[in-house]
Each structure stands twice: as structure tokens, then as C-alpha cells.
Amino acid sequence: MDIFLYTASARSVLGLIGALAISTAFAASPALSNQTVEEIEYIQLAALVDEAKHPRQPLVLPYREAKQSSWALALDNDILAATKRDQDYTYGFNFTYTGSAAKESWLSLDHPLSAVDQLLGIGHLSREGINSHSIEIGMFGFTPEDTKIVVPNLQDRPYASLIYLSSSREQLNLSEQVSWKTTLTLGVLGLGWVGDFQNEIHDILGATEARGWDNQISAGGELTARYSVARQQLLGTLFENTEIKSTLQASIGYLTEASWSLSLRSGNYHTAWSSFNPDLASYGEKSTYNSSASAMRENYFWGGAAVKLRAYNAFLQGQFRNSEVTYGADDLNPVVMEAWLGYTLAFTEGFRISYVVRGHTSEIKTGAGNRNLVWGGIILSKVFP
């Protein structure tokens, strides 16, 4: 067993009332051209959206990203889904830091990420120049069902692991209510550290040792990488407290796939829709969710579903290095359905904690590995003022 883990302000109300009053006054004036009215409406929209995102700090253009926005620690484990399983995506954890310091860090991959973005023509998608950055470090692992077998088990999914570093950049377009997020990840497959860490925890807890890690994908270590781009669109709000958005995402690398998802959150939330991204998670990667939320009290449920068209999965198919157990593309399901359900509690001091259960349909067509994956996660984060 493994270890893992809006009350609008008076200012917001006054801002809304003021914007409505100004809008009414301008609408009644025959001297204004349609272009002028459109510009005023745009300015009002930008101000109101920003008031929701940073209620204590009005937007000043040109936009300046805070040195530090937040940190988050996510711990995943199949046992946290209360299924008594210890298999498949068995555990993972990651640490994420957001703010301009994440861009400037010596660990940052922002320069190559920006180069790829520019090459693809998506380097300047925010009309207001609102960009935020994050850096993430983490690792996660997969095991077959029977972890007592030492020899390669050709009847089940292979052992696999990834230790990785990634940099992300979010570009927010206020006028269209669209957020673009690109991520570049560099990592190493097949290092023994992931299995060693799992077994150290198992030893402490008196759980069964996972004995087949020597047979994992790319055993001994192999460099890998992934680039992903996601376009998130706010669709609207239902019942005044339920926010809905859609996401189109594509990636190339150790996971090569395209996906579409629909997600929502409902309850007492005040932070901007773009600051919360559970639809971008891939196994343990990007599972910390928060990017630039404000420090305020919130509590809300959230969930969603996605359909993924997957062309390649290195955790099942291996990469260039020889692996003891692999699957061919014909052995894998090209369509995977994923769903998640979670709850977040946030405090005025800036701390927030979330719990989530995630799962997806079987990746393998036949045999012992043909089963759905389910796991749970706990996310602890701190937002800076």
C-alpha cells in the first residue's frame, strides 16, 4: 500500500454596479460610434473578469506576473480510491510552483517551450499579454496486478515509471474567455528509484513487496519528452453557482494523443475559471490543478469527463530501448474514456486542500491487463497574496 496525497467582495459589487451605470449612460448617448461602444464594453469586460480573478489587486496593464503565485503538492494512490487495489497506475506525486520565478529558475524549460510555441504560431495568443508560468517536478509508476512475480509477466501490463520536469505557460484571452496552456516535459523512463521508493514505503507499512521492477519499461533509464497544447473555453454558468468549460488538448511524445473534455465546478467559488485545470491531468502529471488562484475562502465540488484518442503510450509500448514486456498498437484501445470527481476546500490564509477520484476505461484490449483504472488523489496547495 502506498502513500499519496466567490461571497463577492464589496469592491466587486461596486465595480459591477459602476460598470452597468457607465454602460447605460454610454448606451443612451447618440454621439458614440459603434466602435467606441465596443471598446468600452471590452474594457468593462476585462475589468470585471480581472476583479473575479484578483479581487484584491486590480489589473494594471501592461500585465505583470507575480514573482510567486502558488505552490501545490499532489499525491496519488490507487488505494485512495477505496478500491483495495495496488496495481496499474499505482502511485505518483508532484510538486508545482507558479509565478515569474518559475520562468526564471535555472530548472525552467521556458526557453525551449517558448521556441516551440513560436514555431507553431501560438506564442502570442493573449490580447492583453496575460501570461502565467509554472514549473513541476514529479514521478509516478505502474505495476501489474500480481506484484510478487519476479520474472517478466507477459500476461499483464508492464512495470513502468517516469521521473520528470516540466514547464508550462498559460495565455489568457479575456475578451474571448479562452485560455491556452502549453507544456514541455523532459523525463527519464525506467529508473529504479520509483520502484525503490514504493518498496521502502511497503516495507514500513508491512505491505507486499513489488518484486518485478527490474522488468520495467526501459529498465536502467531512457530519456523521453512530451509537448502538449490545450485550449480551454468557458462555456457559461448554470444556476448562478455552476461553471462549465470545455477543453481541447493534443500532445506528442511519450503520450501521443488528442482529447476533448467537459468539466464543471459547483458551489462557493470565487477564483477565475482559468485558474483551475483538473482536465489537463495525465496520470500523475499536471494533477496539482491550481495555477494563479487568489487567497480566499471557497468550497466546491468539481468533476468532468474526457474522450481521448491515443496513438502511442510509452508506458505500455516501450520506447527505443529494449523492454521485457511491451504491447503493440494493435493490442491497445485507441479510444479511452476518462472521468473524475473531486472537492476543494480553501481558506482565507491561502491554503487549499482537494480530494479527487479519477478513472478511465481499459487501455489494453484483451488478457489480464484488460481492466479499468481507478485511483485517488490529495492535493495540498498554498496561494500567495
Protein backbone atom coordinates (compact mmCIF):
# COMPACT_ATOMS: atom_id res chain seq x y z
CA MET A 1 0.00 0.00 0.00
CA ASP A 2 1.40 3.36 -1.00
CA ILE A 3 1.12 6.87 0.42
CA PHE A 4 -0.22 9.63 -1.67
CA LEU A 5 -1.95 12.67 -1.49
CA TYR A 6 -16.56 33.64 -4.94
CA THR A 7 -19.18 35.94 -1.48
CA ALA A 8 -18.20 38.62 -3.96
CA SER A 9 -16.32 41.45 -2.23
CA ALA A 10 -17.90 44.87 -1.81
CA ARG A 11 -15.41 46.04 -4.36
CA SER A 12 -16.65 43.51 -6.89
CA VAL A 13 -20.26 44.56 -6.35
CA LEU A 14 -19.46 48.24 -6.60
CA GLY A 15 -17.40 47.59 -9.70
CA LEU A 16 -20.28 45.75 -11.32
CA ILE A 17 -22.79 48.47 -10.42
CA GLY A 18 -20.42 51.13 -11.72
CA ALA A 19 -19.83 49.26 -14.95
CA LEU A 20 -23.55 48.85 -15.50
CA ALA A 21 -24.17 52.56 -14.82
CA ILE A 22 -21.43 53.61 -17.23
CA SER A 23 -22.70 51.17 -19.83
CA THR A 24 -26.25 52.59 -19.53
CA ALA A 25 -25.02 56.18 -19.80
CA PHE A 26 -22.96 55.46 -22.89
CA ALA A 27 -25.73 53.47 -24.50
CA ALA A 28 -28.07 56.47 -24.08
CA SER A 29 -25.58 58.81 -25.75
CA PRO A 30 -26.11 59.18 -29.54
CA ALA A 31 -22.66 60.74 -30.01
CA LEU A 32 -20.77 57.45 -29.58
CA SER A 33 -19.89 55.29 -32.56
CA ASN A 34 -20.39 51.54 -32.52
CA GLN A 35 -16.62 51.07 -32.39
CA THR A 36 -16.34 53.25 -29.29
CA VAL A 37 -19.12 51.33 -27.56
CA GLU A 38 -17.42 48.05 -28.39
CA GLU A 39 -14.13 49.31 -26.96
CA ILE A 40 -15.84 50.45 -23.75
CA GLU A 41 -17.63 47.13 -23.41
CA TYR A 42 -14.33 45.35 -23.87
CA ILE A 43 -12.65 47.43 -21.15
CA GLN A 44 -15.57 46.71 -18.82
CA LEU A 45 -15.34 43.01 -19.53
CA ALA A 46 -11.62 42.94 -18.87
CA ALA A 47 -12.07 44.81 -15.58
CA LEU A 48 -14.88 42.55 -14.39
CA VAL A 49 -13.12 39.33 -15.26
CA ASP A 50 -10.00 40.54 -13.55
CA GLU A 51 -11.99 41.57 -10.49
CA ALA A 52 -13.10 37.97 -10.24
CA LYS A 53 -9.59 36.68 -10.67
CA HIS A 54 -7.70 39.14 -8.48
CA PRO A 55 -10.32 40.80 -6.22
CA ARG A 56 -7.69 42.44 -4.06
CA GLN A 57 -5.39 43.56 -6.85
CA PRO A 58 -6.97 45.39 -9.83
CA LEU A 59 -5.46 44.66 -13.22
CA VAL A 60 -2.83 47.14 -14.36
CA LEU A 61 -1.86 46.93 -18.00
CA PRO A 62 0.65 46.03 -19.13
CA TYR A 63 0.14 42.92 -17.00
CA ARG A 64 2.91 41.89 -14.65
CA GLU A 65 3.08 38.37 -13.32
CA ALA A 66 3.73 37.98 -9.60
CA LYS A 67 7.12 36.64 -8.59
CA GLN A 68 5.42 33.83 -6.73
CA SER A 69 1.75 32.87 -7.11
CA SER A 70 1.33 29.46 -5.51
CA TRP A 71 2.79 26.07 -4.78
CA ALA A 72 0.99 22.74 -4.78
CA LEU A 73 1.79 19.17 -3.77
CA ALA A 74 -0.23 16.30 -5.20
CA LEU A 75 -0.11 12.69 -4.03
CA ASP A 76 -1.90 9.96 -5.96
CA ASN A 77 -2.53 6.35 -4.99
CA ASP A 78 -4.92 3.69 -6.16
CA ILE A 79 -5.64 2.88 -2.51
CA LEU A 80 -7.05 6.42 -2.03
CA ALA A 81 -9.98 5.44 -4.26
CA ALA A 82 -11.05 2.91 -1.59
CA THR A 83 -10.83 0.03 -4.06
CA LYS A 84 -8.21 -2.03 -2.18
CA ARG A 85 -6.16 -2.16 -5.37
CA ASP A 86 -2.40 -1.96 -5.72
CA GLN A 87 -1.88 -2.12 -9.46
CA ASP A 88 -1.93 -0.22 -12.76
CA TYR A 89 -1.29 3.50 -12.04
CA THR A 90 -0.24 2.60 -8.56
CA TYR A 91 1.15 5.85 -7.21
CA GLY A 92 2.69 9.22 -8.01
CA PHE A 93 3.44 12.62 -6.61
CA ASN A 94 4.46 16.01 -7.90
CA PHE A 95 5.34 19.49 -6.72
CA THR A 96 4.32 22.58 -8.72
CA TYR A 97 5.41 26.20 -8.31
CA THR A 98 3.81 29.13 -10.19
CA GLY A 99 4.89 32.72 -10.80
CA SER A 100 7.57 34.54 -12.76
CA ALA A 101 10.18 32.81 -10.59
CA ALA A 102 9.16 29.53 -12.24
CA LYS A 103 10.03 31.05 -15.60
CA GLU A 104 13.35 32.44 -14.40
CA SER A 105 14.52 29.36 -12.46
CA TRP A 106 17.65 27.55 -13.62
CA LEU A 107 15.45 24.44 -13.84
CA SER A 108 12.98 26.13 -16.15
CA LEU A 109 12.27 24.78 -19.63
CA ASP A 110 10.56 28.02 -20.63
CA HIS A 111 13.05 28.93 -23.36
CA PRO A 112 12.61 25.73 -25.39
CA LEU A 113 8.88 25.77 -24.62
CA SER A 114 8.57 29.32 -25.95
CA ALA A 115 10.59 28.36 -29.02
CA VAL A 116 8.19 25.53 -29.83
CA ASP A 117 5.19 27.78 -29.21
CA GLN A 118 6.62 30.40 -31.58
CA LEU A 119 7.35 27.76 -34.20
CA LEU A 120 3.73 26.61 -34.07
CA GLY A 121 2.42 30.18 -34.19
CA ILE A 122 0.87 30.10 -30.73
CA GLY A 123 3.36 32.25 -28.88
CA HIS A 124 1.19 35.37 -28.60
CA LEU A 125 -2.43 34.40 -28.06
CA SER A 126 -3.32 36.71 -25.18
CA ARG A 127 -4.67 40.04 -26.43
CA GLU A 128 -3.88 41.59 -23.06
CA GLY A 129 -0.48 39.95 -22.71
CA ILE A 130 -1.56 37.95 -19.65
CA ASN A 131 0.85 35.06 -19.28
CA SER A 132 1.49 32.88 -16.24
CA HIS A 133 4.17 30.27 -15.75
CA SER A 134 4.69 27.15 -13.68
CA ILE A 135 7.31 24.50 -13.13
CA GLU A 136 6.60 20.96 -12.00
CA ILE A 137 8.74 18.10 -10.71
CA GLY A 138 7.34 14.63 -10.10
CA MET A 139 7.34 10.92 -10.61
CA PHE A 140 4.81 8.11 -10.98
CA GLY A 141 4.73 4.38 -11.57
CA PHE A 142 2.67 1.49 -12.89
CA THR A 143 2.62 -2.17 -11.86
CA PRO A 144 0.79 -5.32 -12.97
CA GLU A 145 -1.82 -6.92 -10.71
CA ASP A 146 0.45 -9.59 -9.26
CA THR A 147 3.49 -7.82 -7.87
CA LYS A 148 5.00 -10.95 -6.27
CA ILE A 149 6.22 -12.37 -9.59
CA VAL A 150 9.92 -11.73 -10.19
CA VAL A 151 10.16 -12.87 -13.80
CA PRO A 152 8.60 -10.87 -16.67
CA ASN A 153 4.83 -11.30 -16.69
CA LEU A 154 3.77 -11.40 -20.33
CA GLN A 155 0.08 -11.74 -19.41
CA ASP A 156 -0.37 -8.34 -17.74
CA ARG A 157 0.65 -4.71 -18.13
CA PRO A 158 4.35 -3.98 -17.63
CA TYR A 159 6.02 -2.19 -14.78
CA ALA A 160 6.73 1.38 -15.90
CA SER A 161 7.83 4.64 -14.35
CA LEU A 162 8.65 8.25 -15.15
CA ILE A 163 10.64 10.89 -13.30
CA TYR A 164 10.08 14.25 -14.93
CA LEU A 165 10.49 18.02 -15.01
CA SER A 166 8.05 20.24 -16.90
CA SER A 167 7.41 23.91 -17.60
CA SER A 168 4.03 25.36 -18.56
CA ARG A 169 2.79 28.67 -19.86
CA GLU A 170 -0.82 29.87 -19.73
CA GLN A 171 -2.06 32.64 -22.04
CA LEU A 172 -5.40 34.14 -21.03
CA ASN A 173 -7.58 35.89 -23.59
CA LEU A 174 -10.16 37.83 -21.57
CA SER A 175 -12.26 39.05 -24.50
CA GLU A 176 -12.93 35.52 -25.76
CA GLN A 177 -12.89 33.75 -22.38
CA VAL A 178 -10.25 31.39 -23.70
CA SER A 179 -7.13 30.10 -22.02
CA TRP A 180 -4.25 28.45 -23.87
CA LYS A 181 -1.83 26.29 -21.94
CA THR A 182 1.31 24.72 -23.36
CA THR A 183 3.64 22.34 -21.54
CA LEU A 184 7.06 20.88 -22.27
CA THR A 185 8.15 17.87 -20.24
CA LEU A 186 11.52 16.18 -20.08
CA GLY A 187 11.90 12.96 -18.16
CA VAL A 188 13.53 9.59 -17.71
CA LEU A 189 11.76 6.28 -18.11
CA GLY A 190 12.84 3.12 -16.33
CA LEU A 191 14.88 4.37 -13.36
CA GLY A 192 14.88 2.12 -10.32
CA TRP A 193 14.19 4.99 -7.90
CA VAL A 194 10.42 4.79 -8.42
CA GLY A 195 10.30 1.10 -7.52
CA ASP A 196 12.76 1.52 -4.66
CA PHE A 197 10.64 4.28 -3.16
CA GLN A 198 7.49 2.16 -3.45
CA ASN A 199 9.13 -0.78 -1.74
CA GLU A 200 10.58 1.36 1.03
CA ILE A 201 7.06 2.52 1.85
CA HIS A 202 5.75 -1.03 1.57
CA ASP A 203 8.44 -2.18 3.97
CA ILE A 204 7.49 0.48 6.53
CA LEU A 205 3.80 -0.42 6.25
CA GLY A 206 4.36 -4.17 6.16
CA ALA A 207 2.84 -4.45 2.69
CA THR A 208 3.81 -6.85 -0.08
CA GLU A 209 6.99 -6.02 -1.95
CA ALA A 210 6.69 -5.26 -5.67
CA ARG A 211 9.34 -7.66 -6.95
CA GLY A 212 9.29 -7.14 -10.71
CA TRP A 213 10.66 -3.63 -11.10
CA ASP A 214 13.77 -4.97 -12.85
CA ASN A 215 11.47 -5.80 -15.77
CA GLN A 216 10.05 -2.32 -16.20
CA ILE A 217 9.80 -0.38 -19.46
CA SER A 218 13.25 0.96 -20.46
CA ALA A 219 14.84 -0.58 -17.37
CA GLY A 220 18.04 1.25 -16.49
CA GLY A 221 16.83 4.60 -17.78
CA GLU A 222 15.92 6.25 -21.07
CA LEU A 223 15.35 9.89 -21.86
CA THR A 224 11.89 10.89 -23.04
CA ALA A 225 9.87 14.05 -23.68
CA ARG A 226 6.39 15.36 -24.37
CA TYR A 227 4.87 18.61 -25.67
CA SER A 228 1.21 19.41 -25.14
CA VAL A 229 -1.12 22.27 -26.01
CA ALA A 230 -4.60 22.82 -24.57
CA ARG A 231 -7.32 25.31 -25.45
CA GLN A 232 -9.84 25.88 -22.66
CA GLN A 233 -13.11 27.73 -23.28
CA LEU A 234 -15.50 28.98 -20.61
CA LEU A 235 -18.97 27.93 -21.79
CA GLY A 236 -21.03 29.70 -19.15
CA THR A 237 -22.64 29.42 -15.74
CA LEU A 238 -25.73 27.48 -14.65
CA PHE A 239 -27.86 28.11 -11.57
CA GLU A 240 -25.52 31.00 -10.64
CA ASN A 241 -23.02 28.68 -8.98
CA THR A 242 -22.08 26.04 -11.57
CA GLU A 243 -19.35 26.88 -14.05
CA ILE A 244 -18.83 24.82 -17.23
CA LYS A 245 -15.88 24.75 -19.60
CA SER A 246 -14.56 22.62 -22.44
CA THR A 247 -11.00 21.69 -23.30
CA LEU A 248 -9.32 20.56 -26.50
CA GLN A 249 -5.87 19.12 -25.94
CA ALA A 250 -3.20 17.42 -28.04
CA SER A 251 0.23 16.09 -27.17
CA ILE A 252 3.18 14.41 -28.84
CA GLY A 253 5.85 12.38 -27.10
CA TYR A 254 5.68 9.53 -24.60
CA LEU A 255 1.91 10.09 -24.65
CA THR A 256 0.74 10.98 -28.14
CA GLU A 257 -2.97 11.69 -28.14
CA ALA A 258 -5.80 14.16 -28.75
CA SER A 259 -8.67 14.71 -26.33
CA TRP A 260 -11.85 16.65 -25.70
CA SER A 261 -13.28 17.15 -22.24
CA LEU A 262 -16.17 18.84 -20.49
CA SER A 263 -15.75 19.87 -16.86
CA LEU A 264 -17.60 21.83 -14.21
CA ARG A 265 -17.34 23.11 -10.67
CA SER A 266 -20.28 23.96 -8.45
CA GLY A 267 -20.54 25.64 -5.08
CA ASN A 268 -18.97 28.58 -3.33
CA TYR A 269 -16.12 29.57 -5.63
CA HIS A 270 -14.61 33.00 -6.36
CA THR A 271 -11.38 32.34 -8.23
CA ALA A 272 -11.22 32.61 -12.01
CA TRP A 273 -12.25 29.64 -14.12
CA SER A 274 -8.85 29.62 -15.80
CA SER A 275 -7.00 29.02 -12.52
CA PHE A 276 -8.41 25.53 -12.08
CA ASN A 277 -7.39 22.81 -14.52
CA PRO A 278 -8.19 19.21 -13.48
CA ASP A 279 -8.96 18.41 -17.12
CA LEU A 280 -5.27 18.73 -18.02
CA ALA A 281 -4.01 15.87 -15.84
CA SER A 282 -2.32 12.85 -17.42
CA TYR A 283 -1.84 10.15 -14.82
CA GLY A 284 0.27 11.94 -12.18
CA GLU A 285 1.42 14.76 -14.42
CA LYS A 286 -0.43 18.09 -14.12
CA SER A 287 -2.53 16.78 -11.24
CA THR A 288 -1.97 19.80 -8.98
CA TYR A 289 -4.71 21.77 -10.81
CA ASN A 290 -4.24 25.29 -9.40
CA SER A 291 -2.18 27.91 -11.18
CA SER A 292 -2.95 31.52 -10.19
CA ALA A 293 -5.94 31.42 -7.86
CA SER A 294 -6.40 34.13 -5.22
CA ALA A 295 -6.29 33.54 -1.49
CA MET A 296 -9.92 33.40 -0.34
CA ARG A 297 -12.41 31.06 1.29
CA GLU A 298 -14.04 28.60 -1.11
CA ASN A 299 -15.66 25.19 -1.08
CA TYR A 300 -16.98 23.48 -4.17
CA PHE A 301 -17.42 20.16 -5.94
CA TRP A 302 -15.96 19.57 -9.35
CA GLY A 303 -15.98 16.87 -11.98
CA GLY A 304 -15.76 16.10 -15.64
CA ALA A 305 -15.28 13.58 -18.40
CA ALA A 306 -12.98 13.27 -21.40
CA VAL A 307 -12.60 11.19 -24.52
CA LYS A 308 -9.02 10.51 -25.59
CA LEU A 309 -7.84 9.32 -28.99
CA ARG A 310 -4.47 7.79 -28.20
CA ALA A 311 -1.87 6.92 -30.82
CA TYR A 312 1.06 5.98 -28.55
CA ASN A 313 1.70 5.22 -24.90
CA ALA A 314 5.31 4.58 -23.89
CA PHE A 315 4.23 3.13 -20.53
CA LEU A 316 2.74 0.17 -22.41
CA GLN A 317 4.55 0.12 -25.73
CA GLY A 318 8.05 1.00 -24.62
CA GLN A 319 10.33 3.38 -26.43
CA PHE A 320 13.65 2.78 -28.24
CA ARG A 321 15.37 0.72 -25.57
CA ASN A 322 14.52 -2.95 -25.33
CA SER A 323 11.90 -3.80 -22.69
CA GLU A 324 10.91 -7.20 -21.31
CA VAL A 325 7.14 -6.65 -21.55
CA THR A 326 5.51 -4.43 -24.17
CA TYR A 327 2.28 -4.20 -26.16
CA GLY A 328 1.84 -3.42 -29.83
CA ALA A 329 -0.51 -0.72 -31.06
CA ASP A 330 -2.97 -3.37 -32.24
CA ASP A 331 -3.20 -4.70 -28.67
CA LEU A 332 -4.31 -1.36 -27.25
CA ASN A 333 -7.61 0.50 -27.31
CA PRO A 334 -7.27 3.67 -29.42
CA VAL A 335 -10.15 5.35 -27.54
CA VAL A 336 -10.05 5.83 -23.77
CA MET A 337 -12.82 7.42 -21.72
CA GLU A 338 -11.82 9.24 -18.52
CA ALA A 339 -13.84 10.78 -15.69
CA TRP A 340 -13.12 12.50 -12.37
CA LEU A 341 -14.96 13.84 -9.33
CA GLY A 342 -13.49 15.98 -6.57
CA TYR A 343 -13.98 18.50 -3.78
CA THR A 344 -11.93 21.56 -2.80
CA LEU A 345 -11.85 23.49 0.47
CA ALA A 346 -9.91 26.77 0.51
CA PHE A 347 -9.10 29.12 3.37
CA THR A 348 -8.53 32.88 3.53
CA GLU A 349 -4.94 32.25 4.60
CA GLY A 350 -4.26 30.88 1.13
CA PHE A 351 -4.19 27.18 1.89
CA ARG A 352 -6.46 24.82 -0.01
CA ILE A 353 -6.94 21.08 0.02
CA SER A 354 -8.61 18.92 -2.61
CA TYR A 355 -9.58 15.28 -2.92
CA VAL A 356 -10.32 13.57 -6.23
CA VAL A 357 -11.21 10.17 -7.60
CA ARG A 358 -10.23 9.56 -11.22
CA GLY A 359 -10.55 6.65 -13.56
CA HIS A 360 -10.54 5.61 -17.17
CA THR A 361 -11.50 2.68 -19.32
CA SER A 362 -9.13 -0.13 -20.14
CA GLU A 363 -6.11 0.69 -22.26
CA ILE A 364 -5.48 -2.95 -23.14
CA LYS A 365 -7.87 -4.92 -25.35
CA THR A 366 -7.51 -8.46 -24.02
CA GLY A 367 -5.90 -10.58 -21.34
CA ALA A 368 -5.22 -9.92 -17.68
CA GLY A 369 -4.38 -6.30 -18.38
CA ASN A 370 -7.85 -5.62 -19.76
CA ARG A 371 -9.30 -3.67 -16.83
CA ASN A 372 -10.37 -0.15 -15.95
CA LEU A 373 -8.03 2.06 -13.93
CA VAL A 374 -9.18 3.88 -10.78
CA TRP A 375 -7.13 5.97 -8.37
CA GLY A 376 -7.49 8.74 -5.81
CA GLY A 377 -5.54 11.87 -5.12
CA ILE A 378 -4.98 14.51 -2.45
CA ILE A 379 -3.75 17.99 -3.38
CA LEU A 380 -2.42 20.49 -0.86
CA SER A 381 -1.62 23.98 -2.10
CA LYS A 382 -0.77 27.45 -0.86
CA VAL A 383 -1.69 30.65 -2.72
CA PHE A 384 0.34 33.77 -2.01
CA PRO A 385 -1.34 37.19 -1.56
